[in-house]
C-alpha atoms as a PDB file:
ATOM      1  CA  CYS A   1      57.785 160.792  66.877  1.00  0.00           C
ATOM      2  CA  LEU A   2      56.920 157.678  68.849  1.00  0.00           C
ATOM      3  CA  ARG A   3      53.919 159.384  70.461  1.00  0.00           C
ATOM      4  CA  THR A   4      52.427 160.072  67.040  1.00  0.00           C
ATOM      5  CA  LEU A   5      53.115 156.493  65.993  1.00  0.00           C
ATOM      6  CA  GLY A   6      51.340 155.347  69.155  1.00  0.00           C
ATOM      7  CA  GLN A   7      48.326 157.503  68.303  1.00  0.00           C
ATOM      8  CA  ILE A   8      48.180 156.087  64.782  1.00  0.00           C
ATOM      9  CA  LEU A   9      48.433 152.517  66.033  1.00  0.00           C
ATOM     10  CA  ARG A  10      45.733 153.205  68.623  1.00  0.00           C
ATOM     11  CA  ALA A  11      43.447 154.527  65.882  1.00  0.00           C
ATOM     12  CA  GLU A  12      44.085 151.286  63.991  1.00  0.00           C
ATOM     13  CA  GLN A  13      43.198 149.365  67.180  1.00  0.00           C
ATOM     14  CA  LYS A  14      46.682 147.850  67.351  1.00  0.00           C
ATOM     15  CA  TYR A  15      46.725 148.383  71.077  1.00  0.00           C
ATOM     16  CA  ASP A  16      49.773 146.319  72.033  1.00  0.00           C
ATOM     17  CA  GLU A  17      51.974 147.985  69.418  1.00  0.00           C
ATOM     18  CA  ALA A  18      50.570 151.393  70.315  1.00  0.00           C
ATOM     19  CA  SER A  19      51.282 150.813  74.006  1.00  0.00           C
ATOM     20  CA  ASP A  20      54.858 149.772  73.274  1.00  0.00           C
ATOM     21  CA  ALA A  21      55.494 152.900  71.185  1.00  0.00           C
ATOM     22  CA  LEU A  22      53.875 155.147  73.791  1.00  0.00           C
ATOM     23  CA  LYS A  23      55.824 153.618  76.675  1.00  0.00           C
ATOM     24  CA  GLU A  24      59.026 154.180  74.741  1.00  0.00           C
ATOM     25  CA  ALA A  25      57.984 157.766  73.984  1.00  0.00           C
ATOM     26  CA  LEU A  26      57.087 158.265  77.647  1.00  0.00           C
ATOM     27  CA  ALA A  27      60.558 157.144  78.723  1.00  0.00           C
ATOM     28  CA  GLU A  28      62.138 159.557  76.225  1.00  0.00           C
ATOM     29  CA  PHE A  29      59.983 162.479  77.369  1.00  0.00           C
ATOM     30  CA  LEU A  30      60.850 161.762  80.995  1.00  0.00           C
ATOM     31  CA  LYS A  31      64.541 161.560  80.130  1.00  0.00           C
ATOM     32  CA  LEU A  32      64.280 164.940  78.379  1.00  0.00           C
ATOM     33  CA  GLY A  33      62.287 166.442  81.237  1.00  0.00           C
ATOM     34  CA  SER A  34      59.232 167.090  79.051  1.00  0.00           C
ATOM     35  CA  ARG A  35      56.373 166.695  81.488  1.00  0.00           C
ATOM     36  CA  LEU A  36      53.815 167.739  78.881  1.00  0.00           C
ATOM     37  CA  GLY A  37      54.947 165.033  76.467  1.00  0.00           C
ATOM     38  CA  ALA A  38      54.937 162.504  79.307  1.00  0.00           C
ATOM     39  CA  ALA A  39      51.417 163.513  80.370  1.00  0.00           C
ATOM     40  CA  GLN A  40      50.174 163.214  76.797  1.00  0.00           C
ATOM     41  CA  CYS A  41      51.641 159.710  76.490  1.00  0.00           C
ATOM     42  CA  LEU A  42      50.040 158.693  79.777  1.00  0.00           C
ATOM     43  CA  GLN A  43      46.684 160.051  78.630  1.00  0.00           C
ATOM     44  CA  ILE A  44      46.794 158.069  75.386  1.00  0.00           C
ATOM     45  CA  LEU A  45      47.884 154.948  77.279  1.00  0.00           C
ATOM     46  CA  GLY A  46      44.863 155.465  79.541  1.00  0.00           C
ATOM     47  CA  GLU A  47      42.585 155.702  76.512  1.00  0.00           C
ATOM     48  CA  ILE A  48      43.999 152.418  75.201  1.00  0.00           C
ATOM     49  CA  LEU A  49      43.424 150.734  78.554  1.00  0.00           C
ATOM     50  CA  ILE A  50      39.799 151.915  78.542  1.00  0.00           C
ATOM     51  CA  ALA A  51      39.359 150.503  75.035  1.00  0.00           C
ATOM     52  CA  GLN A  52      40.788 147.211  76.303  1.00  0.00           C
ATOM     53  CA  LYS A  53      38.473 147.369  79.347  1.00  0.00           C
ATOM     54  CA  ILE A  54      41.419 147.279  81.756  1.00  0.00           C
ATOM     55  CA  PHE A  55      39.776 149.882  83.932  1.00  0.00           C
ATOM     56  CA  SER A  56      41.875 149.785  87.104  1.00  0.00           C
ATOM     57  CA  ASP A  57      45.075 150.343  85.106  1.00  0.00           C
ATOM     58  CA  ALA A  58      43.301 152.990  83.023  1.00  0.00           C
ATOM     59  CA  SER A  59      42.280 154.891  86.157  1.00  0.00           C
ATOM     60  CA  ALA A  60      45.790 154.747  87.594  1.00  0.00           C
ATOM     61  CA  THR A  61      47.371 155.866  84.310  1.00  0.00           C
ATOM     62  CA  LEU A  62      44.863 158.671  83.755  1.00  0.00           C
ATOM     63  CA  THR A  63      45.259 159.841  87.352  1.00  0.00           C
ATOM     64  CA  GLU A  64      49.014 160.027  86.806  1.00  0.00           C
ATOM     65  CA  ALA A  65      48.452 162.035  83.612  1.00  0.00           C
ATOM     66  CA  LEU A  66      45.966 164.261  85.453  1.00  0.00           C
ATOM     67  CA  ASP A  67      48.531 164.972  88.169  1.00  0.00           C
ATOM     68  CA  GLN A  68      51.144 165.837  85.532  1.00  0.00           C
ATOM     69  CA  TYR A  69      48.758 168.201  83.733  1.00  0.00           C
ATOM     70  CA  ARG A  70      47.840 169.893  87.018  1.00  0.00           C
ATOM     71  CA  ASP A  71      51.496 170.253  88.012  1.00  0.00           C
ATOM     72  CA  ILE A  72      52.368 172.012  84.757  1.00  0.00           C
ATOM     73  CA  GLY A  73      49.150 174.036  84.631  1.00  0.00           C
ATOM     74  CA  ASP A  74      47.737 172.466  81.454  1.00  0.00           C
ATOM     75  CA  ARG A  75      44.050 172.918  82.155  1.00  0.00           C
ATOM     76  CA  TYR A  76      42.932 171.534  78.797  1.00  0.00           C
ATOM     77  CA  GLY A  77      44.845 168.288  79.359  1.00  0.00           C
ATOM     78  CA  GLU A  78      43.478 168.216  82.893  1.00  0.00           C
ATOM     79  CA  SER A  79      39.900 168.539  81.654  1.00  0.00           C
ATOM     80  CA  GLN A  80      40.437 165.793  79.060  1.00  0.00           C
ATOM     81  CA  CYS A  81      41.694 163.413  81.758  1.00  0.00           C
ATOM     82  CA  LEU A  82      38.743 164.260  83.994  1.00  0.00           C
ATOM     83  CA  GLU A  83      36.395 163.430  81.128  1.00  0.00           C
ATOM     84  CA  LEU A  84      38.191 160.158  80.373  1.00  0.00           C
ATOM     85  CA  LEU A  85      38.057 159.149  84.031  1.00  0.00           C
ATOM     86  CA  GLY A  86      34.318 159.835  84.001  1.00  0.00           C
ATOM     87  CA  GLU A  87      33.841 157.761  80.864  1.00  0.00           C
ATOM     88  CA  SER A  88      35.886 154.955  82.405  1.00  0.00           C
ATOM     89  CA  PHE A  89      33.701 154.807  85.511  1.00  0.00           C
ATOM     90  CA  LEU A  90      30.526 154.914  83.412  1.00  0.00           C
ATOM     91  CA  ALA A  91      31.823 152.032  81.293  1.00  0.00           C
ATOM     92  CA  GLN A  92      32.137 150.055  84.525  1.00  0.00           C
ATOM     93  CA  GLY A  93      28.563 150.888  85.529  1.00  0.00           C
ATOM     94  CA  GLN A  94      29.728 153.227  88.297  1.00  0.00           C
ATOM     95  CA  ARG A  95      27.371 156.068  87.465  1.00  0.00           C
ATOM     96  CA  THR A  96      27.838 158.239  90.547  1.00  0.00           C
ATOM     97  CA  GLU A  97      31.622 158.279  90.215  1.00  0.00           C
ATOM     98  CA  GLY A  98      31.411 158.763  86.459  1.00  0.00           C
ATOM     99  CA  VAL A  99      29.080 161.728  86.725  1.00  0.00           C
ATOM    100  CA  THR A 100      31.255 163.290  89.444  1.00  0.00           C
ATOM    101  CA  TRP A 101      34.308 163.225  87.142  1.00  0.00           C
ATOM    102  CA  LEU A 102      32.260 164.442  84.159  1.00  0.00           C
ATOM    103  CA  VAL A 103      30.870 167.401  86.107  1.00  0.00           C
ATOM    104  CA  GLN A 104      34.426 168.411  87.030  1.00  0.00           C
ATOM    105  CA  ALA A 105      35.472 168.056  83.386  1.00  0.00           C
ATOM    106  CA  ARG A 106      32.489 170.057  82.128  1.00  0.00           C
ATOM    107  CA  ASP A 107      33.086 172.857  84.614  1.00  0.00           C
ATOM    108  CA  LEU A 108      36.768 173.084  83.722  1.00  0.00           C
ATOM    109  CA  PHE A 109      36.021 172.987  79.985  1.00  0.00           C
ATOM    110  CA  LEU A 110      33.630 175.912  80.540  1.00  0.00           C
ATOM    111  CA  GLU A 111      36.234 177.845  82.548  1.00  0.00           C
ATOM    112  CA  ILE A 112      38.779 177.568  79.748  1.00  0.00           C
ATOM    113  CA  GLY A 113      36.291 178.328  76.977  1.00  0.00           C
ATOM    114  CA  SER A 114      36.008 174.843  75.467  1.00  0.00           C
ATOM    115  CA  ASP A 115      32.252 175.002  75.080  1.00  0.00           C
ATOM    116  CA  GLY A 116      32.011 172.110  72.627  1.00  0.00           C
ATOM    117  CA  GLN A 117      33.745 169.716  74.998  1.00  0.00           C
ATOM    118  CA  ALA A 118      31.653 171.030  77.896  1.00  0.00           C
ATOM    119  CA  ALA A 119      28.501 170.357  75.876  1.00  0.00           C
ATOM    120  CA  ARG A 120      29.685 166.809  75.174  1.00  0.00           C
ATOM    121  CA  CYS A 121      30.143 166.228  78.922  1.00  0.00           C
ATOM    122  CA  SER A 122      26.705 167.715  79.624  1.00  0.00           C
ATOM    123  CA  GLU A 123      25.089 165.417  77.055  1.00  0.00           C
ATOM    124  CA  THR A 124      26.734 162.390  78.640  1.00  0.00           C
ATOM    125  CA  ILE A 125      25.623 163.494  82.115  1.00  0.00           C
ATOM    126  CA  GLU A 126      22.060 164.068  80.867  1.00  0.00           C
ATOM    127  CA  GLY A 127      22.049 160.611  79.298  1.00  0.00           C
ATOM    128  CA  VAL A 128      23.035 159.043  82.607  1.00  0.00           C
ATOM    129  CA  VAL A 129      20.395 161.023  84.508  1.00  0.00           C
ATOM    130  CA  GLU A 130      17.686 160.096  81.975  1.00  0.00           C
ATOM    131  CA  SER A 131      18.721 156.451  82.136  1.00  0.00           C
ATOM    132  CA  GLU A 132      18.538 156.492  85.928  1.00  0.00           C
ATOM    133  CA  ALA A 133      15.103 158.140  85.789  1.00  0.00           C
ATOM    134  CA  GLU A 134      13.867 155.408  83.444  1.00  0.00           C
ATOM    135  CA  ASN A 135      15.286 152.736  85.737  1.00  0.00           C
ATOM    136  CA  LEU A 136      13.448 154.233  88.713  1.00  0.00           C
ATOM    137  CA  GLY A 137      10.199 153.260  87.002  1.00  0.00           C
ATOM    138  CA  SER A 138      11.023 149.578  87.332  1.00  0.00           C
ATOM    139  CA  GLY A 139      12.621 147.624  90.093  1.00  0.00           C
ATOM    140  CA  GLU A 140      15.920 145.907  89.461  1.00  0.00           C
ATOM    141  CA  ASP A 141      13.970 142.754  88.646  1.00  0.00           C
ATOM    142  CA  GLY A 142      12.174 144.569  85.814  1.00  0.00           C
ATOM    143  CA  LEU A 143       8.815 144.491  87.617  1.00  0.00           C
ATOM    144  CA  PRO A 144       6.834 147.670  88.131  1.00  0.00           C
ATOM    145  CA  SER A 145       7.717 149.611  91.236  1.00  0.00           C
ATOM    146  CA  SER A 146       5.226 149.605  94.115  1.00  0.00           C
ATOM    147  CA  ALA A 147       4.090 153.115  93.134  1.00  0.00           C
ATOM    148  CA  GLU A 148       3.379 151.988  89.570  1.00  0.00           C
ATOM    149  CA  GLN A 149       1.686 148.836  90.829  1.00  0.00           C
ATOM    150  CA  SER A 150      -0.612 150.816  93.160  1.00  0.00           C
ATOM    151  CA  GLU A 151      -1.483 153.197  90.330  1.00  0.00           C
ATOM    152  CA  THR A 152      -2.295 150.278  88.039  1.00  0.00           C
ATOM    153  CA  GLU A 153      -4.459 148.619  90.704  1.00  0.00           C
ATOM    154  CA  HIS A 154      -6.263 151.928  91.242  1.00  0.00           C
ATOM    155  CA  GLU A 155      -6.896 152.268  87.488  1.00  0.00           C
ATOM    156  CA  ASP A 156      -8.097 148.648  87.291  1.00  0.00           C
ATOM    157  CA  ALA A 157     -10.521 149.260  90.133  1.00  0.00           C
ATOM    158  CA  ALA A 158     -11.874 152.367  88.438  1.00  0.00           C
ATOM    159  CA  VAL A 159     -12.382 150.563  85.126  1.00  0.00           C
ATOM    160  CA  GLY A 160     -13.887 147.420  86.637  1.00  0.00           C
ATOM    161  CA  GLY A 161     -16.081 149.211  89.113  1.00  0.00           C
ATOM    162  CA  GLY A 162     -13.791 148.609  92.054  1.00  0.00           C
ATOM    163  CA  ASN A 163     -13.653 145.652  94.391  1.00  0.00           C
ATOM    164  CA  ASP A 164     -17.367 145.538  94.912  1.00  0.00           C
ATOM    165  CA  ASP A 165     -18.447 142.272  96.588  1.00  0.00           C
ATOM    166  CA  SER A 166     -21.440 142.057  94.261  1.00  0.00           C
ATOM    167  CA  ASP A 167     -19.053 141.469  91.340  1.00  0.00           C
ATOM    168  CA  ILE A 168     -17.342 138.621  93.147  1.00  0.00           C
ATOM    169  CA  TYR A 169     -20.559 136.797  94.022  1.00  0.00           C
ATOM    170  CA  GLY A 170     -22.311 137.618  90.778  1.00  0.00           C
ATOM    171  CA  LYS A 171     -25.044 139.569  92.498  1.00  0.00           C
END
């Protein structure tokens, strides 16, 4: 099957050849009226576009696959597309959007009993939250935040005896 060939070529990172095979398979599935096959092809095409860092096309393709999965009631395919959309936004540095999609994916994975996939989404979400928490400690310029700076000044004053004028004038 052309879809399988596309998957193999994608795994070999032969993205152009994989895309060609998948687009041909997609056309065949649409001609046959197989919405599931079409959605699967779209999903794989979206994965390829993410790998190629063509994010706007990836989002459009994955959204189309997501709509197909929802229309036919394939909740597992739906949850996979939600996860991929989240990963795509994270890869672009759009953390809020990425986490939003990943939370939806995690919740749906839990609803359908795919605990392993839900755990994977949770780990990714936790990683983003931890990263944001670490970044809150420093300003965007890499300098300590004003809270950290005040704490450091307070500690320096305690160690050095404070800002006593006698220290300044050597008295």
